[in-house]
Amino acid sequence: MSAIDAVLLAAFGPGRFAKAAERLREGNAARAELSRVALADGDLIGTCRIWPVDGPPGGVMLLGPIAVRPDRQRSGTAAVLISETLKACDAAGVTAVVCVGNLWLFGPHGFVANTGNAELPGPVDLKRLLVRGHGGRDAPALNGKLSVPRAARRA
């Protein structure tokens, strides 16, 4: 098991595999150059990954999962991971980032509730579907089905 997988398992348990956002990660490849990890004393204590997603014209990136080892939670690490991952996306010219989460956590990073009619591959509370435009501005309304990019799907 990789260090990232160990942090995810410790933070979320196996229940994370049942979530709709996980369907957008299956058969997909995280963008390592945009994803971030947190280290303390040489140990991986947190992770924030970013994934390409097909759907709206130009596609979007999916943020998450964001996980911090339980003994390091409530330290601000998750907020730093989110911020640094979004800075990398902005620098790379990513036009929109989507996540499924709570506005109280993601709103300070420029996310707003999606105003479009997007569909995820599985049940999800669409009130928790959040979107952020480039630089935290002008979040587009996402419409249509979000899916794993064809090029990323396993043959």
N, C-alpha and C. Protein backbone atom coordinates (compact mmCIF):
# COMPACT_ATOMS: atom_id res chain seq x y z
N MET A 1 0.85 -1.17 0.00
CA MET A 1 0.00 0.00 0.00
C MET A 1 0.90 1.24 0.00
N SER A 2 0.56 2.19 -0.85
CA SER A 2 1.35 3.42 -0.93
C SER A 2 1.07 4.28 0.30
N ALA A 3 1.95 5.24 0.55
CA ALA A 3 1.77 6.16 1.68
C ALA A 3 0.49 6.98 1.50
N ILE A 4 0.18 7.36 0.27
CA ILE A 4 -1.06 8.11 0.01
C ILE A 4 -2.27 7.25 0.33
N ASP A 5 -2.26 6.00 -0.13
CA ASP A 5 -3.38 5.10 0.16
C ASP A 5 -3.55 4.89 1.66
N ALA A 6 -2.45 4.80 2.39
CA ALA A 6 -2.51 4.61 3.84
C ALA A 6 -3.16 5.81 4.53
N VAL A 7 -2.83 7.02 4.09
CA VAL A 7 -3.44 8.22 4.66
C VAL A 7 -4.94 8.25 4.33
N LEU A 8 -5.30 7.92 3.09
CA LEU A 8 -6.71 7.91 2.70
C LEU A 8 -7.50 6.89 3.51
N LEU A 9 -6.94 5.69 3.70
CA LEU A 9 -7.62 4.66 4.47
C LEU A 9 -7.78 5.09 5.93
N ALA A 10 -6.73 5.67 6.50
CA ALA A 10 -6.81 6.12 7.89
C ALA A 10 -7.82 7.24 8.07
N ALA A 11 -7.91 8.13 7.11
CA ALA A 11 -8.81 9.29 7.22
C ALA A 11 -10.26 8.94 6.92
N PHE A 12 -10.50 8.06 5.93
CA PHE A 12 -11.87 7.83 5.47
C PHE A 12 -12.37 6.40 5.64
N GLY A 13 -11.47 5.45 5.77
CA GLY A 13 -11.89 4.06 5.81
C GLY A 13 -12.33 3.61 4.42
N PRO A 14 -12.78 2.37 4.32
CA PRO A 14 -13.16 1.84 3.00
C PRO A 14 -14.44 2.45 2.44
N GLY A 15 -15.21 3.17 3.25
CA GLY A 15 -16.47 3.76 2.79
C GLY A 15 -16.31 4.77 1.68
N ARG A 16 -15.11 5.31 1.51
CA ARG A 16 -14.90 6.32 0.46
C ARG A 16 -15.12 5.74 -0.92
N PHE A 17 -14.97 4.43 -1.08
CA PHE A 17 -15.12 3.81 -2.40
C PHE A 17 -16.57 3.80 -2.88
N ALA A 18 -17.51 4.05 -2.00
CA ALA A 18 -18.92 4.04 -2.37
C ALA A 18 -19.41 5.39 -2.89
N LYS A 19 -18.59 6.40 -2.81
CA LYS A 19 -19.03 7.75 -3.17
C LYS A 19 -19.01 7.99 -4.67
N ALA A 20 -19.92 8.84 -5.14
CA ALA A 20 -20.03 9.15 -6.57
C ALA A 20 -18.74 9.73 -7.13
N ALA A 21 -18.06 10.57 -6.37
CA ALA A 21 -16.81 11.16 -6.86
C ALA A 21 -15.77 10.09 -7.13
N GLU A 22 -15.84 8.99 -6.42
CA GLU A 22 -14.89 7.89 -6.65
C GLU A 22 -15.07 7.29 -8.05
N ARG A 23 -16.29 7.34 -8.58
CA ARG A 23 -16.53 6.84 -9.95
C ARG A 23 -15.76 7.67 -10.97
N LEU A 24 -15.49 8.94 -10.64
CA LEU A 24 -14.71 9.80 -11.55
C LEU A 24 -13.21 9.57 -11.41
N ARG A 25 -12.82 8.82 -10.40
CA ARG A 25 -11.40 8.51 -10.21
C ARG A 25 -11.05 7.11 -10.72
N GLU A 26 -12.02 6.21 -10.74
CA GLU A 26 -11.78 4.84 -11.21
C GLU A 26 -11.37 4.85 -12.67
N GLY A 27 -10.26 4.21 -12.97
CA GLY A 27 -9.79 4.16 -14.35
C GLY A 27 -9.18 5.47 -14.82
N ASN A 28 -9.05 6.42 -13.94
CA ASN A 28 -8.51 7.73 -14.26
C ASN A 28 -7.11 7.83 -13.66
N ALA A 29 -6.37 8.82 -14.02
CA ALA A 29 -5.03 9.04 -13.47
C ALA A 29 -4.94 10.44 -12.89
N ALA A 30 -4.61 10.52 -11.61
CA ALA A 30 -4.42 11.82 -10.96
C ALA A 30 -3.31 12.58 -11.67
N ARG A 31 -3.44 13.87 -11.74
CA ARG A 31 -2.41 14.72 -12.33
C ARG A 31 -1.37 15.02 -11.25
N ALA A 32 -0.32 14.23 -11.25
CA ALA A 32 0.71 14.32 -10.20
C ALA A 32 1.32 15.71 -10.11
N GLU A 33 1.48 16.39 -11.25
CA GLU A 33 2.13 17.70 -11.24
C GLU A 33 1.24 18.78 -10.62
N LEU A 34 -0.05 18.50 -10.47
CA LEU A 34 -0.97 19.45 -9.86
C LEU A 34 -1.38 19.04 -8.45
N SER A 35 -1.25 17.76 -8.14
CA SER A 35 -1.60 17.24 -6.82
C SER A 35 -0.52 17.62 -5.81
N ARG A 36 -0.88 17.61 -4.54
CA ARG A 36 0.06 17.99 -3.49
C ARG A 36 0.00 17.00 -2.33
N VAL A 37 1.11 16.89 -1.61
CA VAL A 37 1.17 16.12 -0.38
C VAL A 37 1.78 16.99 0.71
N ALA A 38 1.50 16.64 1.96
CA ALA A 38 2.10 17.32 3.10
C ALA A 38 2.99 16.32 3.82
N LEU A 39 4.18 16.79 4.18
CA LEU A 39 5.14 15.96 4.89
C LEU A 39 5.47 16.59 6.24
N ALA A 40 5.74 15.74 7.23
CA ALA A 40 6.22 16.19 8.53
C ALA A 40 7.28 15.19 8.98
N ASP A 41 8.45 15.67 9.23
CA ASP A 41 9.57 14.80 9.63
C ASP A 41 9.78 13.66 8.65
N GLY A 42 9.59 13.95 7.38
CA GLY A 42 9.80 12.96 6.33
C GLY A 42 8.64 12.00 6.12
N ASP A 43 7.59 12.09 6.92
CA ASP A 43 6.43 11.21 6.79
C ASP A 43 5.31 11.94 6.06
N LEU A 44 4.61 11.23 5.18
CA LEU A 44 3.46 11.79 4.49
C LEU A 44 2.30 11.87 5.49
N ILE A 45 1.78 13.06 5.69
CA ILE A 45 0.69 13.24 6.65
C ILE A 45 -0.60 13.72 5.98
N GLY A 46 -0.53 14.11 4.70
CA GLY A 46 -1.72 14.59 4.02
C GLY A 46 -1.58 14.54 2.53
N THR A 47 -2.72 14.53 1.85
CA THR A 47 -2.73 14.48 0.40
C THR A 47 -3.93 15.22 -0.17
N CYS A 48 -3.74 15.83 -1.31
CA CYS A 48 -4.81 16.47 -2.07
C CYS A 48 -4.53 16.17 -3.53
N ARG A 49 -5.44 15.44 -4.17
CA ARG A 49 -5.21 15.04 -5.55
C ARG A 49 -6.17 15.77 -6.48
N ILE A 50 -5.78 15.83 -7.74
CA ILE A 50 -6.57 16.50 -8.78
C ILE A 50 -6.64 15.58 -9.99
N TRP A 51 -7.83 15.48 -10.60
CA TRP A 51 -8.09 14.52 -11.66
C TRP A 51 -8.77 15.20 -12.84
N PRO A 52 -8.42 14.84 -14.07
CA PRO A 52 -9.15 15.37 -15.23
C PRO A 52 -10.54 14.74 -15.32
N VAL A 53 -11.50 15.54 -15.74
CA VAL A 53 -12.88 15.07 -15.89
C VAL A 53 -13.44 15.62 -17.19
N ASP A 54 -14.09 14.76 -17.95
CA ASP A 54 -14.80 15.21 -19.16
C ASP A 54 -16.19 15.66 -18.78
N GLY A 55 -16.74 16.50 -19.59
CA GLY A 55 -18.10 16.97 -19.36
C GLY A 55 -18.33 18.25 -20.11
N PRO A 56 -18.26 19.37 -19.41
CA PRO A 56 -18.49 20.65 -20.06
C PRO A 56 -17.42 20.92 -21.11
N PRO A 57 -17.71 21.79 -22.06
CA PRO A 57 -16.69 22.14 -23.05
C PRO A 57 -15.38 22.52 -22.36
N GLY A 58 -14.30 21.92 -22.79
CA GLY A 58 -13.00 22.20 -22.19
C GLY A 58 -12.68 21.32 -21.00
N GLY A 59 -13.69 20.61 -20.48
CA GLY A 59 -13.45 19.75 -19.33
C GLY A 59 -13.16 20.54 -18.07
N VAL A 60 -13.06 19.81 -17.00
CA VAL A 60 -12.76 20.40 -15.69
C VAL A 60 -11.83 19.46 -14.95
N MET A 61 -11.37 19.90 -13.81
CA MET A 61 -10.57 19.05 -12.93
C MET A 61 -11.39 18.77 -11.67
N LEU A 62 -11.25 17.56 -11.16
CA LEU A 62 -11.92 17.14 -9.93
C LEU A 62 -10.92 17.21 -8.78
N LEU A 63 -11.27 17.94 -7.74
CA LEU A 63 -10.43 18.06 -6.55
C LEU A 63 -10.82 16.99 -5.54
N GLY A 64 -9.84 16.28 -5.04
CA GLY A 64 -10.09 15.33 -3.97
C GLY A 64 -9.65 13.92 -4.34
N PRO A 65 -9.57 13.07 -3.41
CA PRO A 65 -9.88 13.35 -2.02
C PRO A 65 -8.78 14.17 -1.35
N ILE A 66 -9.20 14.89 -0.34
CA ILE A 66 -8.27 15.63 0.52
C ILE A 66 -8.28 14.88 1.85
N ALA A 67 -7.13 14.43 2.28
CA ALA A 67 -7.07 13.65 3.51
C ALA A 67 -5.85 14.02 4.31
N VAL A 68 -6.02 14.04 5.62
CA VAL A 68 -4.93 14.29 6.55
C VAL A 68 -4.97 13.16 7.58
N ARG A 69 -3.79 12.65 7.89
CA ARG A 69 -3.70 11.58 8.87
C ARG A 69 -4.44 11.99 10.14
N PRO A 70 -5.22 11.10 10.74
CA PRO A 70 -6.05 11.47 11.90
C PRO A 70 -5.30 12.18 13.03
N ASP A 71 -4.06 11.79 13.31
CA ASP A 71 -3.32 12.45 14.39
C ASP A 71 -2.83 13.84 14.03
N ARG A 72 -3.03 14.25 12.77
CA ARG A 72 -2.61 15.59 12.31
C ARG A 72 -3.79 16.45 11.86
N GLN A 73 -5.01 15.93 12.01
CA GLN A 73 -6.18 16.69 11.60
C GLN A 73 -6.39 17.90 12.51
N ARG A 74 -7.14 18.87 12.01
CA ARG A 74 -7.45 20.13 12.70
C ARG A 74 -6.19 20.97 12.94
N SER A 75 -5.23 20.80 12.05
CA SER A 75 -3.98 21.56 12.16
C SER A 75 -3.85 22.62 11.07
N GLY A 76 -4.83 22.68 10.16
CA GLY A 76 -4.75 23.60 9.03
C GLY A 76 -4.10 22.97 7.81
N THR A 77 -3.66 21.74 7.93
CA THR A 77 -2.98 21.06 6.82
C THR A 77 -3.90 20.92 5.60
N ALA A 78 -5.15 20.55 5.80
CA ALA A 78 -6.06 20.38 4.67
C ALA A 78 -6.23 21.69 3.91
N ALA A 79 -6.38 22.80 4.62
CA ALA A 79 -6.56 24.09 3.96
C ALA A 79 -5.33 24.46 3.13
N VAL A 80 -4.15 24.18 3.66
CA VAL A 80 -2.92 24.47 2.92
C VAL A 80 -2.84 23.58 1.68
N LEU A 81 -3.17 22.30 1.82
CA LEU A 81 -3.15 21.38 0.68
C LEU A 81 -4.11 21.85 -0.42
N ILE A 82 -5.31 22.23 -0.03
CA ILE A 82 -6.29 22.71 -1.01
C ILE A 82 -5.76 23.96 -1.71
N SER A 83 -5.28 24.92 -0.93
CA SER A 83 -4.76 26.17 -1.48
C SER A 83 -3.61 25.93 -2.45
N GLU A 84 -2.67 25.10 -2.07
CA GLU A 84 -1.51 24.85 -2.93
C GLU A 84 -1.89 24.09 -4.20
N THR A 85 -2.82 23.17 -4.09
CA THR A 85 -3.29 22.44 -5.27
C THR A 85 -3.99 23.39 -6.23
N LEU A 86 -4.82 24.29 -5.71
CA LEU A 86 -5.52 25.25 -6.56
C LEU A 86 -4.55 26.26 -7.19
N LYS A 87 -3.51 26.65 -6.46
CA LYS A 87 -2.49 27.53 -7.05
C LYS A 87 -1.82 26.85 -8.23
N ALA A 88 -1.52 25.55 -8.09
CA ALA A 88 -0.91 24.80 -9.19
C ALA A 88 -1.86 24.73 -10.39
N CYS A 89 -3.15 24.53 -10.13
CA CYS A 89 -4.14 24.49 -11.21
C CYS A 89 -4.23 25.84 -11.92
N ASP A 90 -4.24 26.92 -11.16
CA ASP A 90 -4.30 28.26 -11.75
C ASP A 90 -3.05 28.51 -12.61
N ALA A 91 -1.88 28.14 -12.09
CA ALA A 91 -0.64 28.35 -12.84
C ALA A 91 -0.61 27.54 -14.13
N ALA A 92 -1.29 26.39 -14.13
CA ALA A 92 -1.34 25.53 -15.31
C ALA A 92 -2.44 25.94 -16.28
N GLY A 93 -3.24 26.95 -15.91
CA GLY A 93 -4.29 27.43 -16.79
C GLY A 93 -5.59 26.64 -16.73
N VAL A 94 -5.78 25.84 -15.68
CA VAL A 94 -7.02 25.09 -15.52
C VAL A 94 -8.17 26.09 -15.40
N THR A 95 -9.21 25.90 -16.22
CA THR A 95 -10.30 26.88 -16.24
C THR A 95 -11.34 26.66 -15.15
N ALA A 96 -11.53 25.41 -14.71
CA ALA A 96 -12.52 25.15 -13.67
C ALA A 96 -12.14 23.90 -12.88
N VAL A 97 -12.43 23.95 -11.58
CA VAL A 97 -12.22 22.82 -10.68
C VAL A 97 -13.54 22.55 -9.99
N VAL A 98 -13.89 21.28 -9.90
CA VAL A 98 -15.13 20.86 -9.26
C VAL A 98 -14.79 19.96 -8.08
N CYS A 99 -15.65 19.98 -7.07
CA CYS A 99 -15.51 19.04 -5.96
C CYS A 99 -16.89 18.76 -5.38
N VAL A 100 -16.97 17.68 -4.64
CA VAL A 100 -18.19 17.37 -3.90
C VAL A 100 -17.82 17.56 -2.44
N GLY A 101 -18.44 18.55 -1.81
CA GLY A 101 -18.06 18.84 -0.43
C GLY A 101 -18.93 19.91 0.19
N ASN A 102 -18.46 20.40 1.31
CA ASN A 102 -19.17 21.40 2.07
C ASN A 102 -18.68 22.80 1.73
N LEU A 103 -19.62 23.70 1.51
CA LEU A 103 -19.28 25.07 1.15
C LEU A 103 -18.48 25.76 2.26
N TRP A 104 -18.74 25.42 3.52
CA TRP A 104 -17.99 26.05 4.62
C TRP A 104 -16.50 25.74 4.52
N LEU A 105 -16.15 24.57 3.98
CA LEU A 105 -14.74 24.21 3.84
C LEU A 105 -14.15 24.75 2.54
N PHE A 106 -14.88 24.65 1.44
CA PHE A 106 -14.33 25.00 0.14
C PHE A 106 -14.64 26.43 -0.31
N GLY A 107 -15.65 27.06 0.27
CA GLY A 107 -15.98 28.43 -0.08
C GLY A 107 -14.83 29.41 0.07
N PRO A 108 -14.06 29.33 1.16
CA PRO A 108 -12.92 30.24 1.31
C PRO A 108 -11.85 30.09 0.22
N HIS A 109 -11.91 29.01 -0.53
CA HIS A 109 -10.95 28.78 -1.61
C HIS A 109 -11.53 29.16 -2.97
N GLY A 110 -12.69 29.83 -2.97
CA GLY A 110 -13.28 30.31 -4.21
C GLY A 110 -14.35 29.43 -4.81
N PHE A 111 -14.73 28.35 -4.14
CA PHE A 111 -15.77 27.47 -4.65
C PHE A 111 -17.15 28.05 -4.35
N VAL A 112 -18.09 27.82 -5.28
CA VAL A 112 -19.48 28.19 -5.10
C VAL A 112 -20.34 26.99 -5.50
N ALA A 113 -21.59 27.01 -5.08
CA ALA A 113 -22.51 25.95 -5.48
C ALA A 113 -22.70 25.99 -6.99
N ASN A 114 -22.71 24.82 -7.61
CA ASN A 114 -22.93 24.76 -9.05
C ASN A 114 -24.35 25.21 -9.37
N THR A 115 -24.50 26.09 -10.35
CA THR A 115 -25.83 26.58 -10.73
C THR A 115 -26.37 25.87 -11.96
N GLY A 116 -25.59 24.96 -12.53
CA GLY A 116 -26.02 24.22 -13.72
C GLY A 116 -26.68 22.90 -13.36
N ASN A 117 -26.86 22.08 -14.38
CA ASN A 117 -27.51 20.78 -14.23
C ASN A 117 -26.53 19.66 -14.51
N ALA A 118 -25.47 19.58 -13.75
CA ALA A 118 -24.45 18.54 -13.94
C ALA A 118 -24.95 17.23 -13.37
N GLU A 119 -24.43 16.13 -13.95
CA GLU A 119 -24.73 14.79 -13.47
C GLU A 119 -23.42 14.08 -13.16
N LEU A 120 -23.40 13.36 -12.05
CA LEU A 120 -22.25 12.54 -11.70
C LEU A 120 -22.63 11.08 -11.89
N PRO A 121 -21.62 10.22 -12.07
CA PRO A 121 -21.91 8.80 -12.29
C PRO A 121 -22.22 8.07 -10.99
N GLY A 122 -23.31 8.42 -10.39
CA GLY A 122 -23.72 7.81 -9.13
C GLY A 122 -24.49 8.83 -8.32
N PRO A 123 -25.16 8.36 -7.27
CA PRO A 123 -25.97 9.27 -6.46
C PRO A 123 -25.11 10.27 -5.70
N VAL A 124 -25.55 11.52 -5.72
CA VAL A 124 -24.85 12.57 -5.00
C VAL A 124 -25.85 13.69 -4.69
N ASP A 125 -25.67 14.32 -3.57
CA ASP A 125 -26.47 15.49 -3.23
C ASP A 125 -25.92 16.65 -4.05
N LEU A 126 -26.64 17.06 -5.09
CA LEU A 126 -26.14 18.08 -6.00
C LEU A 126 -25.94 19.43 -5.33
N LYS A 127 -26.49 19.62 -4.14
CA LYS A 127 -26.21 20.85 -3.38
C LYS A 127 -24.76 20.88 -2.93
N ARG A 128 -24.11 19.72 -2.90
CA ARG A 128 -22.71 19.63 -2.48
C ARG A 128 -21.75 19.68 -3.66
N LEU A 129 -22.28 19.78 -4.88
CA LEU A 129 -21.43 19.89 -6.06
C LEU A 129 -20.99 21.36 -6.19
N LEU A 130 -19.71 21.57 -5.98
CA LEU A 130 -19.15 22.92 -5.96
C LEU A 130 -18.21 23.11 -7.14
N VAL A 131 -18.09 24.35 -7.58
CA VAL A 131 -17.22 24.65 -8.72
C VAL A 131 -16.45 25.95 -8.44
N ARG A 132 -15.26 26.00 -8.99
CA ARG A 132 -14.39 27.17 -8.84
C ARG A 132 -13.81 27.50 -10.20
N GLY A 133 -13.93 28.75 -10.60
CA GLY A 133 -13.32 29.20 -11.85
C GLY A 133 -11.85 29.52 -11.65
N HIS A 134 -11.16 29.75 -12.74
CA HIS A 134 -9.73 30.08 -12.71
C HIS A 134 -9.48 31.25 -11.76
N GLY A 135 -8.52 31.07 -10.86
CA GLY A 135 -8.19 32.13 -9.91
C GLY A 135 -9.26 32.38 -8.88
N GLY A 136 -10.24 31.49 -8.77
CA GLY A 136 -11.32 31.67 -7.80
C GLY A 136 -12.40 32.61 -8.27
N ARG A 137 -12.39 32.95 -9.56
CA ARG A 137 -13.36 33.90 -10.11
C ARG A 137 -14.21 33.24 -11.19
N ASP A 138 -15.34 33.83 -11.46
CA ASP A 138 -16.17 33.46 -12.61
C ASP A 138 -16.37 31.95 -12.73
N ALA A 139 -16.89 31.33 -11.68
CA ALA A 139 -17.15 29.89 -11.73
C ALA A 139 -18.21 29.60 -12.78
N PRO A 140 -17.91 28.72 -13.72
CA PRO A 140 -18.90 28.38 -14.74
C PRO A 140 -19.99 27.50 -14.17
N ALA A 141 -21.17 27.55 -14.76
CA ALA A 141 -22.24 26.62 -14.42
C ALA A 141 -21.96 25.31 -15.16
N LEU A 142 -21.85 24.23 -14.42
CA LEU A 142 -21.57 22.94 -15.04
C LEU A 142 -22.87 22.26 -15.42
N ASN A 143 -22.94 21.84 -16.67
CA ASN A 143 -24.12 21.14 -17.19
C ASN A 143 -23.67 19.85 -17.85
N GLY A 144 -24.54 18.87 -17.85
CA GLY A 144 -24.24 17.61 -18.52
C GLY A 144 -23.56 16.62 -17.60
N LYS A 145 -23.23 15.48 -18.18
CA LYS A 145 -22.66 14.38 -17.42
C LYS A 145 -21.15 14.53 -17.28
N LEU A 146 -20.66 14.43 -16.07
CA LEU A 146 -19.23 14.43 -15.80
C LEU A 146 -18.76 12.97 -15.86
N SER A 147 -17.62 12.74 -16.50
CA SER A 147 -17.14 11.37 -16.66
C SER A 147 -15.62 11.33 -16.71
N VAL A 148 -15.08 10.11 -16.60
CA VAL A 148 -13.65 9.89 -16.74
C VAL A 148 -13.30 10.17 -18.20
N PRO A 149 -12.25 10.93 -18.46
CA PRO A 149 -11.86 11.20 -19.86
C PRO A 149 -11.60 9.91 -20.62
N ARG A 150 -12.04 9.86 -21.86
CA ARG A 150 -11.85 8.66 -22.69
C ARG A 150 -10.40 8.23 -22.74
N ALA A 151 -9.49 9.18 -22.87
CA ALA A 151 -8.07 8.86 -22.99
C ALA A 151 -7.54 8.21 -21.72
N ALA A 152 -8.17 8.45 -20.58
CA ALA A 152 -7.69 7.90 -19.32
C ALA A 152 -8.28 6.53 -19.02
N ARG A 153 -9.37 6.18 -19.68
CA ARG A 153 -10.04 4.91 -19.38
C ARG A 153 -9.16 3.73 -19.74
N ARG A 154 -9.18 2.75 -18.89
CA ARG A 154 -8.42 1.53 -19.13
C ARG A 154 -9.07 0.72 -20.24
N ALA A 155 -8.23 0.17 -21.08
CA ALA A 155 -8.76 -0.64 -22.20
C ALA A 155 -9.23 -1.98 -21.71
